[in-house]
PDB file of N, CA and C in Angstrom:
ATOM      1  N   MET A   1       0.784  -1.173   0.027  1.00  0.00           N
ATOM      2  CA  MET A   1      -0.009  -0.182   0.052  1.00  0.00           C
ATOM      3  C   MET A   1       0.857   1.199  -0.062  1.00  0.00           C
ATOM      4  N   SER A   2       0.651   2.171  -0.925  1.00  0.00           N
ATOM      5  CA  SER A   2       1.411   3.385  -1.177  1.00  0.00           C
ATOM      6  C   SER A   2       0.827   4.500  -0.824  1.00  0.00           C
ATOM      7  N   VAL A   3       1.693   5.546  -0.021  1.00  0.00           N
ATOM      8  CA  VAL A   3       0.962   6.908   0.127  1.00  0.00           C
ATOM      9  C   VAL A   3       1.888   7.919  -0.430  1.00  0.00           C
ATOM     10  N   MET A   4       1.426   9.290  -0.661  1.00  0.00           N
ATOM     11  CA  MET A   4       2.487   9.999  -1.349  1.00  0.00           C
ATOM     12  C   MET A   4       2.952  10.861   0.020  1.00  0.00           C
ATOM     13  N   VAL A   5       4.360  11.401   0.164  1.00  0.00           N
ATOM     14  CA  VAL A   5       4.747  12.277   0.764  1.00  0.00           C
ATOM     15  C   VAL A   5       5.289  13.422   0.084  1.00  0.00           C
ATOM     16  N   ARG A   6       4.912  14.590   0.816  1.00  0.00           N
ATOM     17  CA  ARG A   6       5.260  15.984   0.207  1.00  0.00           C
ATOM     18  C   ARG A   6       6.145  16.121   0.944  1.00  0.00           C
ATOM     19  N   ILE A   7       7.366  16.632   0.324  1.00  0.00           N
ATOM     20  CA  ILE A   7       8.905  16.689   0.889  1.00  0.00           C
ATOM     21  C   ILE A   7       9.187  18.523   0.821  1.00  0.00           C
ATOM     22  N   PRO A   8       9.619  18.852   2.007  1.00  0.00           N
ATOM     23  CA  PRO A   8       9.623  20.271   1.801  1.00  0.00           C
ATOM     24  C   PRO A   8      11.008  20.538   1.161  1.00  0.00           C
ATOM     25  N   THR A   9      11.450  22.198   1.019  1.00  0.00           N
ATOM     26  CA  THR A   9      12.690  22.205   0.023  1.00  0.00           C
ATOM     27  C   THR A   9      13.831  21.906   1.078  1.00  0.00           C
ATOM     28  N   PRO A  10      13.846  22.021   2.169  1.00  0.00           N
ATOM     29  CA  PRO A  10      15.451  21.739   2.748  1.00  0.00           C
ATOM     30  C   PRO A  10      15.390  20.525   2.812  1.00  0.00           C
ATOM     31  N   LEU A  11      14.555  19.447   2.806  1.00  0.00           N
ATOM     32  CA  LEU A  11      14.900  18.146   2.569  1.00  0.00           C
ATOM     33  C   LEU A  11      14.837  17.422   1.027  1.00  0.00           C
ATOM     34  N   ARG A  12      14.648  18.511  -0.058  1.00  0.00           N
ATOM     35  CA  ARG A  12      14.952  17.587  -1.231  1.00  0.00           C
ATOM     36  C   ARG A  12      16.156  17.360  -1.699  1.00  0.00           C
ATOM     37  N   ARG A  13      17.096  17.852  -1.115  1.00  0.00           N
ATOM     38  CA  ARG A  13      18.491  17.568  -1.611  1.00  0.00           C
ATOM     39  C   ARG A  13      18.832  15.788  -1.135  1.00  0.00           C
ATOM     40  N   ILE A  14      17.999  15.289  -0.494  1.00  0.00           N
ATOM     41  CA  ILE A  14      18.119  13.903   0.118  1.00  0.00           C
ATOM     42  C   ILE A  14      17.191  12.952  -0.897  1.00  0.00           C
ATOM     43  N   THR A  15      16.237  13.653  -1.182  1.00  0.00           N
ATOM     44  CA  THR A  15      15.305  12.984  -2.508  1.00  0.00           C
ATOM     45  C   THR A  15      15.676  13.476  -3.732  1.00  0.00           C
ATOM     46  N   LYS A  16      16.722  13.668  -4.015  1.00  0.00           N
ATOM     47  CA  LYS A  16      17.458  14.331  -5.232  1.00  0.00           C
ATOM     48  C   LYS A  16      16.519  15.189  -6.068  1.00  0.00           C
ATOM     49  N   GLY A  17      16.032  16.162  -5.096  1.00  0.00           N
ATOM     50  CA  GLY A  17      15.052  17.358  -5.793  1.00  0.00           C
ATOM     51  C   GLY A  17      13.592  16.905  -6.064  1.00  0.00           C
ATOM     52  N   GLN A  18      13.209  15.641  -5.694  1.00  0.00           N
ATOM     53  CA  GLN A  18      12.077  15.516  -5.808  1.00  0.00           C
ATOM     54  C   GLN A  18      10.944  16.299  -4.809  1.00  0.00           C
ATOM     55  N   ASP A  19       9.942  16.853  -5.039  1.00  0.00           N
ATOM     56  CA  ASP A  19       8.956  17.523  -3.884  1.00  0.00           C
ATOM     57  C   ASP A  19       7.792  16.575  -3.314  1.00  0.00           C
ATOM     58  N   LYS A  20       7.793  15.290  -4.139  1.00  0.00           N
ATOM     59  CA  LYS A  20       6.775  14.466  -3.733  1.00  0.00           C
ATOM     60  C   LYS A  20       7.656  13.152  -4.179  1.00  0.00           C
ATOM     61  N   VAL A  21       7.257  11.796  -3.147  1.00  0.00           N
ATOM     62  CA  VAL A  21       7.418  10.677  -3.359  1.00  0.00           C
ATOM     63  C   VAL A  21       6.577   9.850  -2.804  1.00  0.00           C
ATOM     64  N   ARG A  22       6.643   8.902  -3.271  1.00  0.00           N
ATOM     65  CA  ARG A  22       5.383   7.692  -2.939  1.00  0.00           C
ATOM     66  C   ARG A  22       6.556   6.518  -2.421  1.00  0.00           C
ATOM     67  N   VAL A  23       5.582   6.019  -1.155  1.00  0.00           N
ATOM     68  CA  VAL A  23       6.336   5.029  -0.623  1.00  0.00           C
ATOM     69  C   VAL A  23       5.193   3.999  -0.083  1.00  0.00           C
ATOM     70  N   GLU A  24       5.729   3.016   0.559  1.00  0.00           N
ATOM     71  CA  GLU A  24       5.001   2.064   1.278  1.00  0.00           C
ATOM     72  C   GLU A  24       4.856   2.135   2.592  1.00  0.00           C
ATOM     73  N   GLY A  25       3.911   1.960   3.300  1.00  0.00           N
ATOM     74  CA  GLY A  25       3.631   1.950   5.136  1.00  0.00           C
ATOM     75  C   GLY A  25       2.564   1.965   5.222  1.00  0.00           C
ATOM     76  N   ASP A  26       1.781   1.332   6.189  1.00  0.00           N
ATOM     77  CA  ASP A  26       0.514   1.562   6.856  1.00  0.00           C
ATOM     78  C   ASP A  26       0.401   2.136   7.921  1.00  0.00           C
ATOM     79  N   THR A  27       1.558   2.442   8.522  1.00  0.00           N
ATOM     80  CA  THR A  27       1.756   3.612   9.794  1.00  0.00           C
ATOM     81  C   THR A  27       2.808   4.593   9.398  1.00  0.00           C
ATOM     82  N   LEU A  28       2.830   5.736   9.747  1.00  0.00           N
ATOM     83  CA  LEU A  28       3.655   6.660   9.992  1.00  0.00           C
ATOM     84  C   LEU A  28       5.163   6.339   9.924  1.00  0.00           C
ATOM     85  N   GLN A  29       5.203   5.508  11.066  1.00  0.00           N
ATOM     86  CA  GLN A  29       6.180   4.864  11.300  1.00  0.00           C
ATOM     87  C   GLN A  29       6.930   3.824  10.242  1.00  0.00           C
ATOM     88  N   LYS A  30       6.332   3.428   9.924  1.00  0.00           N
ATOM     89  CA  LYS A  30       6.571   2.295   8.439  1.00  0.00           C
ATOM     90  C   LYS A  30       7.041   3.501   7.164  1.00  0.00           C
ATOM     91  N   VAL A  31       6.377   4.340   7.082  1.00  0.00           N
ATOM     92  CA  VAL A  31       6.434   5.145   5.916  1.00  0.00           C
ATOM     93  C   VAL A  31       8.025   5.700   6.057  1.00  0.00           C
ATOM     94  N   ILE A  32       7.864   6.257   7.461  1.00  0.00           N
ATOM     95  CA  ILE A  32       9.515   6.929   7.882  1.00  0.00           C
ATOM     96  C   ILE A  32      10.856   6.090   7.459  1.00  0.00           C
ATOM     97  N   SER A  33      10.289   4.437   7.738  1.00  0.00           N
ATOM     98  CA  SER A  33      11.381   3.632   7.673  1.00  0.00           C
ATOM     99  C   SER A  33      11.337   3.074   6.109  1.00  0.00           C
ATOM    100  N   SER A  34      10.552   3.053   5.207  1.00  0.00           N
ATOM    101  CA  SER A  34      10.263   3.368   3.921  1.00  0.00           C
ATOM    102  C   SER A  34      11.206   4.455   3.324  1.00  0.00           C
ATOM    103  N   LEU A  35      10.783   5.854   3.821  1.00  0.00           N
ATOM    104  CA  LEU A  35      11.607   6.704   2.992  1.00  0.00           C
ATOM    105  C   LEU A  35      13.012   6.580   3.275  1.00  0.00           C
ATOM    106  N   GLU A  36      13.404   6.187   4.603  1.00  0.00           N
ATOM    107  CA  GLU A  36      15.141   5.966   5.176  1.00  0.00           C
ATOM    108  C   GLU A  36      15.600   5.041   3.779  1.00  0.00           C
ATOM    109  N   THR A  37      14.778   3.963   3.608  1.00  0.00           N
ATOM    110  CA  THR A  37      15.433   2.829   2.550  1.00  0.00           C
ATOM    111  C   THR A  37      15.685   3.371   1.476  1.00  0.00           C
ATOM    112  N   GLN A  38      14.556   4.460   0.859  1.00  0.00           N
ATOM    113  CA  GLN A  38      15.126   4.861  -0.203  1.00  0.00           C
ATOM    114  C   GLN A  38      15.789   6.147  -0.513  1.00  0.00           C
ATOM    115  N   TYR A  39      15.730   6.709   0.514  1.00  0.00           N
ATOM    116  CA  TYR A  39      16.739   8.108   0.946  1.00  0.00           C
ATOM    117  C   TYR A  39      17.401   8.299   2.035  1.00  0.00           C
ATOM    118  N   PRO A  40      18.457   7.432   2.079  1.00  0.00           N
ATOM    119  CA  PRO A  40      19.198   7.442   3.462  1.00  0.00           C
ATOM    120  C   PRO A  40      19.673   8.864   3.850  1.00  0.00           C
ATOM    121  N   GLY A  41      19.498   8.890   5.288  1.00  0.00           N
ATOM    122  CA  GLY A  41      19.654   9.832   5.878  1.00  0.00           C
ATOM    123  C   GLY A  41      18.455  11.002   6.262  1.00  0.00           C
ATOM    124  N   ILE A  42      17.454  10.515   5.493  1.00  0.00           N
ATOM    125  CA  ILE A  42      16.125  11.525   5.819  1.00  0.00           C
ATOM    126  C   ILE A  42      15.628  11.339   7.336  1.00  0.00           C
ATOM    127  N   LYS A  43      15.524   9.886   7.806  1.00  0.00           N
ATOM    128  CA  LYS A  43      14.983   9.373   9.110  1.00  0.00           C
ATOM    129  C   LYS A  43      15.684  10.468  10.301  1.00  0.00           C
ATOM    130  N   GLU A  44      16.871  10.534  10.111  1.00  0.00           N
ATOM    131  CA  GLU A  44      17.686  11.525  11.221  1.00  0.00           C
ATOM    132  C   GLU A  44      17.264  12.814  10.968  1.00  0.00           C
ATOM    133  N   ARG A  45      16.578  13.227  10.197  1.00  0.00           N
ATOM    134  CA  ARG A  45      16.278  14.724  10.223  1.00  0.00           C
ATOM    135  C   ARG A  45      14.574  14.909  10.719  1.00  0.00           C
ATOM    136  N   LEU A  46      14.013  13.817  10.632  1.00  0.00           N
ATOM    137  CA  LEU A  46      12.771  13.601  10.743  1.00  0.00           C
ATOM    138  C   LEU A  46      12.374  12.823  12.502  1.00  0.00           C
ATOM    139  N   CYS A  47      13.299  12.216  13.024  1.00  0.00           N
ATOM    140  CA  CYS A  47      13.134  11.585  14.004  1.00  0.00           C
ATOM    141  C   CYS A  47      14.461  11.449  15.184  1.00  0.00           C
ATOM    142  N   ASP A  48      14.381  11.785  16.476  1.00  0.00           N
ATOM    143  CA  ASP A  48      15.175  11.956  17.355  1.00  0.00           C
ATOM    144  C   ASP A  48      16.119  10.580  17.621  1.00  0.00           C
ATOM    145  N   ASP A  49      17.159  10.243  18.468  1.00  0.00           N
ATOM    146  CA  ASP A  49      17.384   9.230  18.880  1.00  0.00           C
ATOM    147  C   ASP A  49      16.837   8.354  19.170  1.00  0.00           C
ATOM    148  N   THR A  50      15.652   8.831  19.949  1.00  0.00           N
ATOM    149  CA  THR A  50      14.624   7.558  20.420  1.00  0.00           C
ATOM    150  C   THR A  50      13.571   7.036  19.369  1.00  0.00           C
ATOM    151  N   GLY A  51      13.572   7.399  18.417  1.00  0.00           N
ATOM    152  CA  GLY A  51      12.639   7.181  17.309  1.00  0.00           C
ATOM    153  C   GLY A  51      11.272   8.035  17.379  1.00  0.00           C
ATOM    154  N   ASN A  52      11.193   9.094  18.080  1.00  0.00           N
ATOM    155  CA  ASN A  52      10.252   9.841  18.130  1.00  0.00           C
ATOM    156  C   ASN A  52      10.468  10.963  16.956  1.00  0.00           C
ATOM    157  N   LEU A  53       9.203  11.599  16.451  1.00  0.00           N
ATOM    158  CA  LEU A  53       9.308  12.667  15.835  1.00  0.00           C
ATOM    159  C   LEU A  53      10.060  14.005  16.539  1.00  0.00           C
ATOM    160  N   ARG A  54      10.829  14.513  15.662  1.00  0.00           N
ATOM    161  CA  ARG A  54      11.656  15.916  16.568  1.00  0.00           C
ATOM    162  C   ARG A  54      10.801  16.673  16.655  1.00  0.00           C
ATOM    163  N   ASN A  55      10.785  17.617  17.540  1.00  0.00           N
ATOM    164  CA  ASN A  55       9.820  18.756  17.915  1.00  0.00           C
ATOM    165  C   ASN A  55       9.726  19.738  16.964  1.00  0.00           C
ATOM    166  N   PHE A  56      10.867  20.166  16.387  1.00  0.00           N
ATOM    167  CA  PHE A  56      10.684  21.300  15.072  1.00  0.00           C
ATOM    168  C   PHE A  56      10.185  20.590  13.595  1.00  0.00           C
ATOM    169  N   VAL A  57       9.470  19.388  13.651  1.00  0.00           N
ATOM    170  CA  VAL A  57       8.927  18.583  12.347  1.00  0.00           C
ATOM    171  C   VAL A  57       7.662  18.792  12.585  1.00  0.00           C
ATOM    172  N   ASN A  58       6.809  19.257  11.940  1.00  0.00           N
ATOM    173  CA  ASN A  58       5.535  19.000  11.650  1.00  0.00           C
ATOM    174  C   ASN A  58       4.929  17.891  10.959  1.00  0.00           C
ATOM    175  N   ILE A  59       4.086  16.979  10.793  1.00  0.00           N
ATOM    176  CA  ILE A  59       3.840  15.902   9.834  1.00  0.00           C
ATOM    177  C   ILE A  59       2.596  15.899  10.136  1.00  0.00           C
ATOM    178  N   TYR A  60       1.842  16.263   8.838  1.00  0.00           N
ATOM    179  CA  TYR A  60       0.605  16.132   8.397  1.00  0.00           C
ATOM    180  C   TYR A  60       0.161  14.956   7.877  1.00  0.00           C
ATOM    181  N   VAL A  61      -1.053  14.389   7.890  1.00  0.00           N
ATOM    182  CA  VAL A  61      -1.705  13.051   7.468  1.00  0.00           C
ATOM    183  C   VAL A  61      -3.237  13.835   6.743  1.00  0.00           C
ATOM    184  N   ASN A  62      -3.226  13.727   5.460  1.00  0.00           N
ATOM    185  CA  ASN A  62      -4.501  14.324   5.046  1.00  0.00           C
ATOM    186  C   ASN A  62      -4.930  15.651   5.684  1.00  0.00           C
ATOM    187  N   GLY A  63      -3.645  16.446   5.810  1.00  0.00           N
ATOM    188  CA  GLY A  63      -4.382  17.837   6.255  1.00  0.00           C
ATOM    189  C   GLY A  63      -3.913  18.064   8.064  1.00  0.00           C
ATOM    190  N   GLU A  64      -4.227  16.543   8.829  1.00  0.00           N
ATOM    191  CA  GLU A  64      -4.390  16.554  10.237  1.00  0.00           C
ATOM    192  C   GLU A  64      -2.910  16.587  10.786  1.00  0.00           C
ATOM    193  N   ASP A  65      -2.779  17.136  11.638  1.00  0.00           N
ATOM    194  CA  ASP A  65      -1.302  17.136  12.750  1.00  0.00           C
ATOM    195  C   ASP A  65      -1.520  15.572  13.218  1.00  0.00           C
ATOM    196  N   VAL A  66      -0.546  14.842  13.177  1.00  0.00           N
ATOM    197  CA  VAL A  66      -0.395  13.681  13.801  1.00  0.00           C
ATOM    198  C   VAL A  66      -0.082  13.734  15.232  1.00  0.00           C
ATOM    199  N   ARG A  67       0.401  14.963  15.659  1.00  0.00           N
ATOM    200  CA  ARG A  67       0.393  15.258  17.373  1.00  0.00           C
ATOM    201  C   ARG A  67      -0.827  15.185  17.879  1.00  0.00           C
ATOM    202  N   PHE A  68      -2.203  15.209  17.246  1.00  0.00           N
ATOM    203  CA  PHE A  68      -3.554  15.048  17.672  1.00  0.00           C
ATOM    204  C   PHE A  68      -4.127  13.556  16.996  1.00  0.00           C
ATOM    205  N   LEU A  69      -3.277  12.970  16.678  1.00  0.00           N
ATOM    206  CA  LEU A  69      -3.619  11.651  16.209  1.00  0.00           C
ATOM    207  C   LEU A  69      -2.925  10.670  16.793  1.00  0.00           C
ATOM    208  N   GLN A  70      -2.311   9.875  16.395  1.00  0.00           N
ATOM    209  CA  GLN A  70      -1.471   8.942  17.060  1.00  0.00           C
ATOM    210  C   GLN A  70      -0.035   9.185  16.780  1.00  0.00           C
ATOM    211  N   GLY A  71       0.388   9.952  16.535  1.00  0.00           N
ATOM    212  CA  GLY A  71       1.939  10.447  16.434  1.00  0.00           C
ATOM    213  C   GLY A  71       2.605   9.508  15.566  1.00  0.00           C
ATOM    214  N   ILE A  72       3.580   8.876  15.900  1.00  0.00           N
ATOM    215  CA  ILE A  72       4.388   7.998  14.825  1.00  0.00           C
ATOM    216  C   ILE A  72       3.682   6.795  14.574  1.00  0.00           C
ATOM    217  N   ASN A  73       2.725   6.595  15.304  1.00  0.00           N
ATOM    218  CA  ASN A  73       1.894   5.312  15.282  1.00  0.00           C
ATOM    219  C   ASN A  73       0.727   5.543  14.514  1.00  0.00           C
ATOM    220  N   THR A  74       0.592   6.735  14.014  1.00  0.00           N
ATOM    221  CA  THR A  74      -0.731   7.314  13.025  1.00  0.00           C
ATOM    222  C   THR A  74      -1.041   6.103  12.002  1.00  0.00           C
ATOM    223  N   GLY A  75      -2.066   5.502  11.828  1.00  0.00           N
ATOM    224  CA  GLY A  75      -2.102   4.664  10.954  1.00  0.00           C
ATOM    225  C   GLY A  75      -2.449   5.391   9.327  1.00  0.00           C
ATOM    226  N   LEU A  76      -2.001   4.512   8.414  1.00  0.00           N
ATOM    227  CA  LEU A  76      -2.301   5.018   7.157  1.00  0.00           C
ATOM    228  C   LEU A  76      -2.987   4.050   6.405  1.00  0.00           C
ATOM    229  N   LYS A  77      -3.721   4.550   4.874  1.00  0.00           N
ATOM    230  CA  LYS A  77      -4.509   3.694   3.947  1.00  0.00           C
ATOM    231  C   LYS A  77      -3.811   4.198   2.881  1.00  0.00           C
ATOM    232  N   ALA A  78      -3.922   3.458   1.924  1.00  0.00           N
ATOM    233  CA  ALA A  78      -3.768   3.653   0.261  1.00  0.00           C
ATOM    234  C   ALA A  78      -4.155   5.002  -0.147  1.00  0.00           C
ATOM    235  N   GLY A  79      -3.332   6.048  -0.429  1.00  0.00           N
ATOM    236  CA  GLY A  79      -3.899   7.152  -1.132  1.00  0.00           C
ATOM    237  C   GLY A  79      -3.683   8.295  -0.255  1.00  0.00           C
ATOM    238  N   ASP A  80      -3.176   8.169   1.238  1.00  0.00           N
ATOM    239  CA  ASP A  80      -3.227   9.033   2.012  1.00  0.00           C
ATOM    240  C   ASP A  80      -1.843   9.946   1.770  1.00  0.00           C
ATOM    241  N   GLU A  81      -2.050  11.379   1.845  1.00  0.00           N
ATOM    242  CA  GLU A  81      -1.020  12.433   1.662  1.00  0.00           C
ATOM    243  C   GLU A  81      -0.376  12.988   3.204  1.00  0.00           C
ATOM    244  N   VAL A  82       0.714  12.389   2.792  1.00  0.00           N
ATOM    245  CA  VAL A  82       1.659  12.927   4.144  1.00  0.00           C
ATOM    246  C   VAL A  82       2.454  13.954   3.833  1.00  0.00           C
ATOM    247  N   SER A  83       2.457  15.130   4.610  1.00  0.00           N
ATOM    248  CA  SER A  83       2.943  16.261   4.286  1.00  0.00           C
ATOM    249  C   SER A  83       4.420  16.762   5.437  1.00  0.00           C
ATOM    250  N   VAL A  84       5.328  16.821   5.317  1.00  0.00           N
ATOM    251  CA  VAL A  84       6.414  17.166   6.286  1.00  0.00           C
ATOM    252  C   VAL A  84       6.524  18.497   6.097  1.00  0.00           C
ATOM    253  N   VAL A  85       6.329  19.110   7.161  1.00  0.00           N
ATOM    254  CA  VAL A  85       6.553  20.663   7.213  1.00  0.00           C
ATOM    255  C   VAL A  85       7.560  21.114   8.260  1.00  0.00           C
ATOM    256  N   PRO A  86       8.422  21.813   8.032  1.00  0.00           N
ATOM    257  CA  PRO A  86       9.488  21.907   9.429  1.00  0.00           C
ATOM    258  C   PRO A  86       8.908  23.789  10.015  1.00  0.00           C
ATOM    259  N   ALA A  87       9.112  23.288  11.240  1.00  0.00           N
ATOM    260  CA  ALA A  87       8.777  24.510  12.011  1.00  0.00           C
ATOM    261  C   ALA A  87       9.688  25.857  11.590  1.00  0.00           C
ATOM    262  N   VAL A  88       9.034  26.992  11.588  1.00  0.00           N
ATOM    263  CA  VAL A  88       9.747  28.273  11.333  1.00  0.00           C
ATOM    264  C   VAL A  88       9.448  28.846  12.537  1.00  0.00           C
ATOM    265  N   ALA A  89      10.609  29.609  13.084  1.00  0.00           N
ATOM    266  CA  ALA A  89      10.553  30.372  14.139  1.00  0.00           C
ATOM    267  C   ALA A  89      10.833  31.763  13.613  1.00  0.00           C
ATOM    268  N   GLY A  90      10.888  32.835  14.604  1.00  0.00           N
ATOM    269  CA  GLY A  90      11.586  33.942  14.217  1.00  0.00           C
ATOM    270  C   GLY A  90      10.653  35.188  14.954  1.00  0.00           C
ATOM    271  N   GLY A  91      11.107  36.247  14.433  1.00  0.00           N
ATOM    272  CA  GLY A  91      10.353  37.520  14.955  1.00  0.00           C
ATOM    273  C   GLY A  91      11.122  38.649  14.707  1.00  0.00           C
ATOM    274  N   ALA A  92      10.442  39.914  15.163  1.00  0.00           N
ATOM    275  CA  ALA A  92      11.113  41.030  15.254  1.00  0.00           C
ATOM    276  C   ALA A  92      11.895  41.298  16.506  1.00  0.00           C
TER     277      ALA A  92
END
């Protein structure tokens, strides 16, 4: 079962410039593992040393923030869209 993952600009050098990639997985954790298999180095930018999502990375499934779902264990189905959005900070 495949899902579409939208890749933000800062991570596209890992995905060879692709802004969208299709990977297999029925949970977010499995999708991240599939991403790592196809694009080594991407997992360390999304997950910390314990395997949890990094605080400065926001991930959405079909527009819903996974922090309000089941986090890294969020279930996925064929055709779902996963969006990786790096947090933006700053101010005047």
